[in-house]
């Protein structure tokens, strides 16, 4: 039976707040009206993935496959070979970990034009480890030909257009703010990144729902007289060259992500900086090689050291490290002569 009575906030926020805007569903429907090749598939999560909008408007281009995510990936491969552009939808952990082999062999290996859309990423869910996608970016980044996008609030429609602009497989990682969340929305990215705030004392690179947290941390640091830049990294693979340019202009870089610190945004940035020989004081804020458990998102963020206070501490820690290094470099060296 279709679960139209469910919405994504039933899995992320049961505070009784009003329903969240359905920006993704509206963007997908608008794209489908412009391109007759687009079809939508979902694995028994029509309401929470907002695909009911397309189902109701274009039932002949909507496919409810049931709880069979691996089969859905295979179906998408067949549809793509027939000239369609399939968008497959479920929760992030089921879209990646559960159907990884099918995505690798039936979508990424042949380089097919299919889009994988995952909801409630990271620890943004009440339902605990089974529903928490803490490794999905790492998995998708590792696949050749796969692109990985994670828009900040307000950037979902642009992310849909960006996914369609690439003739190949794309993983689109979507976090939804609840209806009562008044967090800022952000301008469209340019070349995979949005510069939100400038500052010469450090740089915060964040993605998805962590962008407002990074901005809040920057405001707390500014109250202490420390000005750090904030940028939303929307394209996680391939990494924008702008990340390199921003990092070169600052002594401290901290990445902020709703994911394990292994294999996600922090790893991607560290790889880029190391390979290009950029020397900065660097730290990753994210889930530190552990599983989480069920709880509200703010509670989990605080418990696992991923809230604004934790970001502030990371910046202060790396600034002390930078200042200690600068102080040591300024000291005269002992020549060894008596």
Protein backbone atom coordinates (compact mmCIF):
# COMPACT_ATOMS: atom_id res chain seq x y z
CA UNK A 1 0.00 0.00 0.00
CA UNK A 2 1.44 3.43 -0.94
CA UNK A 3 2.65 5.37 2.08
CA UNK A 4 1.30 8.75 1.01
CA UNK A 5 0.45 9.54 4.63
CA UNK A 6 4.17 9.65 5.44
CA UNK A 7 6.45 12.62 4.86
CA UNK A 8 10.17 12.98 5.39
CA UNK A 9 9.71 14.77 8.72
CA UNK A 10 8.15 11.58 10.11
CA UNK A 11 11.69 10.19 10.01
CA UNK A 12 13.58 13.34 11.07
CA UNK A 13 11.37 15.56 13.25
CA UNK A 14 8.23 14.72 15.20
CA UNK A 15 7.83 18.08 16.90
CA UNK A 16 4.47 18.69 15.23
CA UNK A 17 5.80 21.51 13.06
CA UNK A 18 4.13 22.24 9.76
CA UNK A 19 5.16 20.30 6.68
CA UNK A 20 8.36 21.36 4.96
CA UNK A 21 8.36 22.92 1.49
CA UNK A 22 8.72 20.34 -1.26
CA UNK A 23 11.41 21.98 -3.34
CA UNK A 24 12.86 18.76 -4.73
CA UNK A 25 9.54 17.34 -5.89
CA UNK A 26 8.67 20.63 -7.56
CA UNK A 27 12.08 20.84 -9.26
CA UNK A 28 11.83 17.26 -10.55
CA UNK A 29 8.35 17.86 -11.90
CA UNK A 30 9.44 21.07 -13.63
CA UNK A 31 12.39 19.26 -15.20
CA UNK A 32 10.14 16.40 -16.35
CA UNK A 33 7.80 18.85 -18.04
CA UNK A 34 10.75 20.20 -20.01
CA UNK A 35 12.28 16.82 -20.85
CA UNK A 36 10.07 13.89 -21.83
CA UNK A 37 12.91 11.42 -21.18
CA UNK A 38 12.75 11.84 -17.39
CA UNK A 39 11.08 9.06 -15.38
CA UNK A 40 10.84 8.64 -11.61
CA UNK A 41 11.19 5.43 -9.59
CA UNK A 42 10.78 5.02 -5.85
CA UNK A 43 11.18 2.13 -3.43
CA UNK A 44 8.03 2.37 -1.30
CA UNK A 45 8.81 5.93 -0.17
CA UNK A 46 6.66 8.08 -2.42
CA UNK A 47 5.70 10.75 0.12
CA UNK A 48 9.06 11.09 1.90
CA UNK A 49 10.89 11.46 -1.44
CA UNK A 50 8.33 13.94 -2.82
CA UNK A 51 7.78 11.82 -5.92
CA UNK A 52 4.02 11.83 -5.38
CA UNK A 53 4.02 15.18 -7.18
CA UNK A 54 5.27 13.54 -10.36
CA UNK A 55 3.12 10.46 -9.82
CA UNK A 56 -0.02 12.58 -9.68
CA UNK A 57 0.92 14.81 -12.62
CA UNK A 58 2.54 12.17 -14.86
CA UNK A 59 1.47 8.70 -13.71
CA UNK A 60 2.72 7.10 -16.93
CA UNK A 61 6.28 8.19 -16.04
CA UNK A 62 6.22 7.08 -12.40
CA UNK A 63 7.21 3.63 -11.13
CA UNK A 64 6.60 2.33 -7.60
CA UNK A 65 8.94 -0.66 -7.30
CA UNK A 66 8.33 -1.59 -3.65
CA UNK A 67 11.05 -2.34 -1.12
CA UNK A 68 13.55 -3.55 -3.71
CA UNK A 69 16.29 -0.95 -4.03
CA UNK A 70 18.75 -3.20 -5.87
CA UNK A 71 16.11 -4.10 -8.44
CA UNK A 72 15.32 -0.40 -8.82
CA UNK A 73 18.95 0.30 -9.77
CA UNK A 74 18.80 -2.49 -12.35
CA UNK A 75 15.54 -1.15 -13.76
CA UNK A 76 17.11 2.29 -14.03
CA UNK A 77 19.98 0.80 -16.02
CA UNK A 78 17.58 -0.75 -18.49
CA UNK A 79 15.55 2.42 -18.80
CA UNK A 80 18.68 4.50 -19.38
CA UNK A 81 19.77 2.14 -22.16
CA UNK A 82 16.36 2.70 -23.76
CA UNK A 83 16.85 6.47 -23.83
CA UNK A 84 15.11 7.50 -20.61
CA UNK A 85 16.70 9.52 -17.80
CA UNK A 86 15.67 7.64 -14.65
CA UNK A 87 15.70 9.33 -11.25
CA UNK A 88 15.65 6.67 -8.52
CA UNK A 89 14.58 7.62 -4.99
CA UNK A 90 14.85 6.25 -1.49
CA UNK A 91 16.67 7.06 1.74
CA UNK A 92 20.40 7.64 1.30
CA UNK A 93 21.50 4.52 3.18
CA UNK A 94 19.28 2.28 1.05
CA UNK A 95 20.20 4.08 -2.18
CA UNK A 96 23.91 3.46 -1.68
CA UNK A 97 24.91 0.77 0.82
CA UNK A 98 22.05 -1.66 0.08
CA UNK A 99 22.31 -1.51 -3.72
CA UNK A 100 25.99 -0.68 -4.17
CA UNK A 101 26.89 -3.58 -6.43
CA UNK A 102 23.97 -2.90 -8.78
CA UNK A 103 24.84 0.80 -8.94
CA UNK A 104 28.48 -0.01 -9.64
CA UNK A 105 27.89 -2.64 -12.33
CA UNK A 106 24.63 -1.51 -13.93
CA UNK A 107 24.94 2.29 -13.77
CA UNK A 108 28.50 3.49 -13.09
CA UNK A 109 30.46 0.90 -15.09
CA UNK A 110 28.53 1.52 -18.33
CA UNK A 111 28.36 5.26 -17.52
CA UNK A 112 24.60 5.43 -17.92
CA UNK A 113 22.62 8.63 -17.61
CA UNK A 114 20.78 7.80 -14.38
CA UNK A 115 20.36 9.87 -11.23
CA UNK A 116 20.33 8.43 -7.69
CA UNK A 117 18.53 10.62 -5.15
CA UNK A 118 19.01 9.87 -1.45
CA UNK A 119 17.07 11.50 1.38
CA UNK A 120 17.79 11.83 5.15
CA UNK A 121 21.59 11.55 4.83
CA UNK A 122 24.02 11.21 7.72
CA UNK A 123 22.56 11.39 11.21
CA UNK A 124 19.53 13.44 10.16
CA UNK A 125 17.01 10.79 11.27
CA UNK A 126 15.32 9.51 14.41
CA UNK A 127 15.54 5.89 13.30
CA UNK A 128 19.09 5.02 14.28
CA UNK A 129 21.93 3.15 12.63
CA UNK A 130 19.87 1.22 10.08
CA UNK A 131 18.71 4.49 8.50
CA UNK A 132 21.82 6.65 8.99
CA UNK A 133 23.90 7.05 5.84
CA UNK A 134 27.28 7.90 7.35
CA UNK A 135 29.34 6.42 4.50
CA UNK A 136 27.35 7.18 1.35
CA UNK A 137 29.59 9.97 0.06
CA UNK A 138 32.64 7.72 0.49
CA UNK A 139 30.93 4.91 -1.42
CA UNK A 140 29.75 7.09 -4.30
CA UNK A 141 33.01 9.04 -4.57
CA UNK A 142 34.87 5.76 -5.05
CA UNK A 143 32.89 4.81 -8.17
CA UNK A 144 34.42 5.85 -11.49
CA UNK A 145 32.18 8.13 -13.60
CA UNK A 146 29.94 8.94 -10.62
CA UNK A 147 29.37 12.59 -9.71
CA UNK A 148 28.31 13.53 -6.18
CA UNK A 149 26.20 16.58 -5.29
CA UNK A 150 24.97 17.81 -1.91
CA UNK A 151 23.15 21.15 -2.10
CA UNK A 152 22.82 23.60 0.76
CA UNK A 153 19.35 24.88 1.70
CA UNK A 154 17.85 26.76 -1.24
CA UNK A 155 20.05 25.05 -3.85
CA UNK A 156 17.99 21.95 -4.62
CA UNK A 157 16.52 23.13 -7.92
CA UNK A 158 19.98 24.08 -9.15
CA UNK A 159 21.30 20.66 -8.10
CA UNK A 160 18.60 18.94 -10.18
CA UNK A 161 19.62 21.02 -13.20
CA UNK A 162 23.29 20.27 -12.56
CA UNK A 163 22.58 16.54 -12.35
CA UNK A 164 20.78 16.69 -15.67
CA UNK A 165 23.60 18.66 -17.31
CA UNK A 166 25.97 15.70 -16.77
CA UNK A 167 25.49 12.85 -19.22
CA UNK A 168 26.22 10.10 -16.73
CA UNK A 169 25.46 8.75 -13.25
CA UNK A 170 24.94 11.26 -10.43
CA UNK A 171 24.35 10.79 -6.71
CA UNK A 172 22.23 13.62 -5.31
CA UNK A 173 22.29 13.75 -1.48
CA UNK A 174 19.35 15.67 -0.05
CA UNK A 175 18.67 16.85 3.49
CA UNK A 176 15.33 18.44 4.26
CA UNK A 177 14.76 21.17 6.80
CA UNK A 178 11.50 20.96 8.73
CA UNK A 179 8.70 23.43 8.16
CA UNK A 180 9.53 25.35 11.31
CA UNK A 181 13.22 25.73 10.48
CA UNK A 182 13.99 29.33 9.57
CA UNK A 183 17.60 28.72 8.54
CA UNK A 184 18.91 30.80 5.67
CA UNK A 185 18.79 29.67 2.09
CA UNK A 186 21.83 30.22 -0.10
CA UNK A 187 22.52 31.46 -3.62
CA UNK A 188 23.17 29.07 -6.45
CA UNK A 189 26.73 27.73 -6.57
CA UNK A 190 29.22 28.75 -9.22
CA UNK A 191 31.56 25.97 -10.32
CA UNK A 192 30.37 23.75 -7.47
CA UNK A 193 30.82 26.18 -4.59
CA UNK A 194 29.05 29.14 -2.97
CA UNK A 195 31.09 31.70 -1.07
CA UNK A 196 28.89 32.83 1.82
CA UNK A 197 31.23 34.77 4.06
CA UNK A 198 34.77 36.11 3.77
CA UNK A 199 37.45 36.20 6.43
CA UNK A 200 41.23 36.04 6.57
CA UNK A 201 41.63 34.09 9.83
CA UNK A 202 40.37 30.75 8.54
CA UNK A 203 38.01 28.95 6.20
CA UNK A 204 35.02 26.69 6.87
CA UNK A 205 34.09 24.36 4.02
CA UNK A 206 30.67 22.78 4.60
CA UNK A 207 28.06 20.83 2.66
CA UNK A 208 24.32 20.20 2.91
CA UNK A 209 22.61 20.83 6.23
CA UNK A 210 25.98 21.64 7.83
CA UNK A 211 26.23 24.94 5.96
CA UNK A 212 23.96 26.83 8.42
CA UNK A 213 25.95 25.27 11.28
CA UNK A 214 29.20 26.53 9.77
CA UNK A 215 27.68 29.97 9.33
CA UNK A 216 26.56 30.00 12.96
CA UNK A 217 30.08 29.02 14.05
CA UNK A 218 31.54 31.85 11.97
CA UNK A 219 29.25 34.31 13.72
CA UNK A 220 30.35 33.02 17.12
CA UNK A 221 33.99 33.38 16.11
CA UNK A 222 33.38 36.90 14.83
CA UNK A 223 32.10 37.83 18.29
CA UNK A 224 35.57 36.85 19.53
CA UNK A 225 37.29 38.98 16.89
CA UNK A 226 38.13 36.05 14.59
CA UNK A 227 36.91 36.39 11.00
CA UNK A 228 36.60 33.14 9.05
CA UNK A 229 35.24 32.56 5.59
CA UNK A 230 32.39 30.14 4.93
CA UNK A 231 31.79 28.30 1.66
CA UNK A 232 29.15 25.73 0.73
CA UNK A 233 30.68 22.92 -1.32
CA UNK A 234 27.84 21.59 -3.45
CA UNK A 235 29.84 19.46 -5.88
CA UNK A 236 31.76 16.89 -3.83
CA UNK A 237 33.02 15.04 -6.89
CA UNK A 238 34.68 16.42 -8.89
CA UNK A 239 36.01 18.92 -6.35
CA UNK A 240 35.97 22.54 -7.52
CA UNK A 241 39.30 24.25 -8.17
CA UNK A 242 37.88 27.16 -6.21
CA UNK A 243 38.37 25.14 -3.02
CA UNK A 244 42.09 25.15 -3.68
CA UNK A 245 42.16 28.90 -4.31
CA UNK A 246 40.26 29.66 -1.10
CA UNK A 247 42.45 27.35 0.98
CA UNK A 248 45.64 28.96 -0.30
CA UNK A 249 44.51 32.32 1.09
CA UNK A 250 44.07 31.24 4.72
CA UNK A 251 46.16 29.62 7.49
CA UNK A 252 43.36 27.36 8.81
CA UNK A 253 40.86 25.14 6.97
CA UNK A 254 38.10 23.18 8.74
CA UNK A 255 35.65 20.95 6.87
CA UNK A 256 32.15 20.45 8.27
CA UNK A 257 30.04 17.51 7.12
CA UNK A 258 27.08 15.32 8.11
CA UNK A 259 29.03 12.14 7.34
CA UNK A 260 31.92 10.10 8.62
CA UNK A 261 35.17 12.06 8.51
CA UNK A 262 36.50 9.09 6.53
CA UNK A 263 35.89 9.32 2.80
CA UNK A 264 33.63 12.37 2.68
CA UNK A 265 34.11 16.11 2.21
CA UNK A 266 37.04 16.29 4.63
CA UNK A 267 38.88 13.48 2.87
CA UNK A 268 38.24 14.99 -0.55
CA UNK A 269 39.59 18.38 0.54
CA UNK A 270 42.60 16.83 2.30
CA UNK A 271 43.47 14.85 -0.83
CA UNK A 272 43.25 17.97 -2.97
CA UNK A 273 45.39 20.09 -0.64
CA UNK A 274 48.03 17.40 -0.18
CA UNK A 275 48.37 16.64 -3.88
CA UNK A 276 48.66 20.34 -4.73
CA UNK A 277 51.20 21.01 -1.97
CA UNK A 278 49.04 23.44 -0.03
CA UNK A 279 50.19 23.63 3.60
CA UNK A 280 47.49 24.73 6.05
CA UNK A 281 46.41 23.80 9.55
CA UNK A 282 43.55 21.43 8.82
CA UNK A 283 40.78 19.65 10.75
CA UNK A 284 37.64 17.67 9.89
CA UNK A 285 34.37 18.04 11.79
CA UNK A 286 32.03 15.10 11.26
CA UNK A 287 31.21 11.69 12.66
CA UNK A 288 34.52 10.39 14.02
CA UNK A 289 34.75 6.73 12.94
CA UNK A 290 31.76 5.59 14.97
CA UNK A 291 28.14 4.60 14.55
CA UNK A 292 25.50 6.89 16.01
CA UNK A 293 22.00 6.01 17.26
CA UNK A 294 18.46 7.36 17.11
CA UNK A 295 17.74 10.87 18.33
CA UNK A 296 16.80 14.34 17.18
CA UNK A 297 19.24 15.95 14.78
CA UNK A 298 20.29 18.79 17.15
CA UNK A 299 20.85 16.31 19.98
CA UNK A 300 22.96 14.02 17.80
CA UNK A 301 24.96 16.91 16.39
CA UNK A 302 25.87 18.06 19.88
CA UNK A 303 26.53 14.57 21.23
CA UNK A 304 28.87 13.62 18.39
CA UNK A 305 30.75 16.92 18.21
CA UNK A 306 29.19 18.24 15.01
CA UNK A 307 27.38 21.38 16.18
CA UNK A 308 28.45 25.01 15.91
CA UNK A 309 30.30 24.89 19.24
CA UNK A 310 32.38 21.96 18.00
CA UNK A 311 33.23 23.84 14.81
CA UNK A 312 34.32 26.86 16.85
CA UNK A 313 36.58 24.66 18.97
CA UNK A 314 38.12 23.11 15.87
CA UNK A 315 38.97 26.53 14.46
CA UNK A 316 40.42 27.75 17.76
CA UNK A 317 42.47 24.56 18.09
CA UNK A 318 43.98 24.96 14.63
CA UNK A 319 44.60 28.68 15.15
CA UNK A 320 46.60 27.89 18.29
CA UNK A 321 48.55 25.34 16.30
CA UNK A 322 49.22 27.89 13.56
CA UNK A 323 50.26 30.57 16.04
CA UNK A 324 52.58 28.16 17.84
CA UNK A 325 54.20 27.23 14.54
CA UNK A 326 54.63 30.86 13.55
CA UNK A 327 56.16 31.65 16.95
CA UNK A 328 58.63 28.78 16.67
CA UNK A 329 59.58 29.81 13.16
CA UNK A 330 60.36 33.33 14.38
CA UNK A 331 62.76 32.18 17.10
CA UNK A 332 66.49 32.40 16.25
CA UNK A 333 68.07 29.01 15.70
CA UNK A 334 70.88 27.83 17.97
CA UNK A 335 73.92 27.42 15.75
CA UNK A 336 75.51 25.06 18.24
CA UNK A 337 78.54 27.35 18.77
CA UNK A 338 79.54 27.91 22.42
